[in-house]
Amino acid sequence: MFGFLLQWPTIPTLVMFPVLVWMYVRLAKAEERQVQTEFGEAYTDYARSVPAFIPHLRSRGLTE
């Protein structure tokens, strides 16, 4: 989505970008509620360890 804004920086894409972000966040929260209902505690544990939208920039789980 952000790549689309960078590739075609026009007035319509600038106007639609916040709308699309808002819609995707709402969709993600609705899907999260659905998955929580279906998988329960297993999903809760998973959601605690994984970021929702922005990935961790440092590597995780690698031992040296």
C-alpha atoms as a PDB file:
ATOM      1  CA  MET A   1       0.000   0.000   0.000  1.00  0.00           C
ATOM      2  CA  PHE A   2       2.787   2.420   0.883  1.00  0.00           C
ATOM      3  CA  GLY A   3       4.639   1.365  -2.280  1.00  0.00           C
ATOM      4  CA  PHE A   4       1.609   2.363  -4.336  1.00  0.00           C
ATOM      5  CA  LEU A   5       1.791   5.849  -2.831  1.00  0.00           C
ATOM      6  CA  LEU A   6       5.503   6.078  -3.626  1.00  0.00           C
ATOM      7  CA  GLN A   7       5.116   4.781  -7.168  1.00  0.00           C
ATOM      8  CA  TRP A   8       2.197   7.045  -8.133  1.00  0.00           C
ATOM      9  CA  PRO A   9       2.353  10.164  -5.935  1.00  0.00           C
ATOM     10  CA  THR A  10      -0.712  11.896  -7.341  1.00  0.00           C
ATOM     11  CA  ILE A  11      -3.412  13.896  -5.609  1.00  0.00           C
ATOM     12  CA  PRO A  12      -5.941  11.001  -5.676  1.00  0.00           C
ATOM     13  CA  THR A  13      -3.431   8.569  -4.127  1.00  0.00           C
ATOM     14  CA  LEU A  14      -2.491  11.112  -1.469  1.00  0.00           C
ATOM     15  CA  VAL A  15      -6.174  11.582  -0.636  1.00  0.00           C
ATOM     16  CA  MET A  16      -6.986   7.871  -0.651  1.00  0.00           C
ATOM     17  CA  PHE A  17      -3.938   6.722   1.349  1.00  0.00           C
ATOM     18  CA  PRO A  18      -5.296   7.583   4.828  1.00  0.00           C
ATOM     19  CA  VAL A  19      -8.690   6.137   3.885  1.00  0.00           C
ATOM     20  CA  LEU A  20      -7.106   2.865   2.781  1.00  0.00           C
ATOM     21  CA  VAL A  21      -4.959   2.670   5.925  1.00  0.00           C
ATOM     22  CA  TRP A  22      -8.047   3.202   8.072  1.00  0.00           C
ATOM     23  CA  MET A  23      -9.964   0.513   6.154  1.00  0.00           C
ATOM     24  CA  TYR A  24      -7.118  -2.014   6.419  1.00  0.00           C
ATOM     25  CA  VAL A  25      -6.772  -1.425  10.164  1.00  0.00           C
ATOM     26  CA  ARG A  26     -10.511  -1.980  10.647  1.00  0.00           C
ATOM     27  CA  LEU A  27     -10.366  -5.150   8.531  1.00  0.00           C
ATOM     28  CA  ALA A  28      -7.362  -6.462  10.463  1.00  0.00           C
ATOM     29  CA  LYS A  29      -9.081  -5.888  13.814  1.00  0.00           C
ATOM     30  CA  ALA A  30     -12.236  -7.660  12.627  1.00  0.00           C
ATOM     31  CA  GLU A  31     -10.201 -10.607  11.366  1.00  0.00           C
ATOM     32  CA  GLU A  32      -8.249 -10.667  14.621  1.00  0.00           C
ATOM     33  CA  ARG A  33     -11.498 -11.014  16.589  1.00  0.00           C
ATOM     34  CA  GLN A  34     -12.545 -13.883  14.323  1.00  0.00           C
ATOM     35  CA  VAL A  35      -9.247 -15.709  14.738  1.00  0.00           C
ATOM     36  CA  GLN A  36      -9.319 -15.123  18.505  1.00  0.00           C
ATOM     37  CA  THR A  37     -12.738 -16.766  18.652  1.00  0.00           C
ATOM     38  CA  GLU A  38     -11.590 -19.719  16.564  1.00  0.00           C
ATOM     39  CA  PHE A  39      -8.183 -20.412  18.145  1.00  0.00           C
ATOM     40  CA  GLY A  40      -8.494 -18.894  21.625  1.00  0.00           C
ATOM     41  CA  GLU A  41      -5.446 -18.924  23.903  1.00  0.00           C
ATOM     42  CA  ALA A  42      -3.091 -20.238  21.208  1.00  0.00           C
ATOM     43  CA  TYR A  43      -3.751 -17.123  19.119  1.00  0.00           C
ATOM     44  CA  THR A  44      -3.433 -14.847  22.148  1.00  0.00           C
ATOM     45  CA  ASP A  45       0.052 -16.227  22.836  1.00  0.00           C
ATOM     46  CA  TYR A  46       0.999 -15.820  19.181  1.00  0.00           C
ATOM     47  CA  ALA A  47      -0.325 -12.237  19.027  1.00  0.00           C
ATOM     48  CA  ARG A  48       1.743 -11.271  22.075  1.00  0.00           C
ATOM     49  CA  SER A  49       4.971 -12.310  20.365  1.00  0.00           C
ATOM     50  CA  VAL A  50       4.315 -10.973  16.843  1.00  0.00           C
ATOM     51  CA  PRO A  51       3.790  -7.303  15.943  1.00  0.00           C
ATOM     52  CA  ALA A  52       0.525  -6.506  14.176  1.00  0.00           C
ATOM     53  CA  PHE A  53       1.615  -4.202  11.351  1.00  0.00           C
ATOM     54  CA  ILE A  54       5.273  -3.201  11.556  1.00  0.00           C
ATOM     55  CA  PRO A  55       7.774  -6.076  11.815  1.00  0.00           C
ATOM     56  CA  HIS A  56      10.633  -6.070  14.289  1.00  0.00           C
ATOM     57  CA  LEU A  57      13.787  -4.679  12.703  1.00  0.00           C
ATOM     58  CA  ARG A  58      16.104  -6.818  14.780  1.00  0.00           C
ATOM     59  CA  SER A  59      16.413 -10.532  14.172  1.00  0.00           C
ATOM     60  CA  ARG A  60      14.602 -12.717  16.675  1.00  0.00           C
ATOM     61  CA  GLY A  61      15.109 -16.300  17.630  1.00  0.00           C
ATOM     62  CA  LEU A  62      18.594 -16.604  16.166  1.00  0.00           C
ATOM     63  CA  THR A  63      21.206 -17.955  18.523  1.00  0.00           C
ATOM     64  CA  GLU A  64      24.903 -17.593  17.865  1.00  0.00           C
END
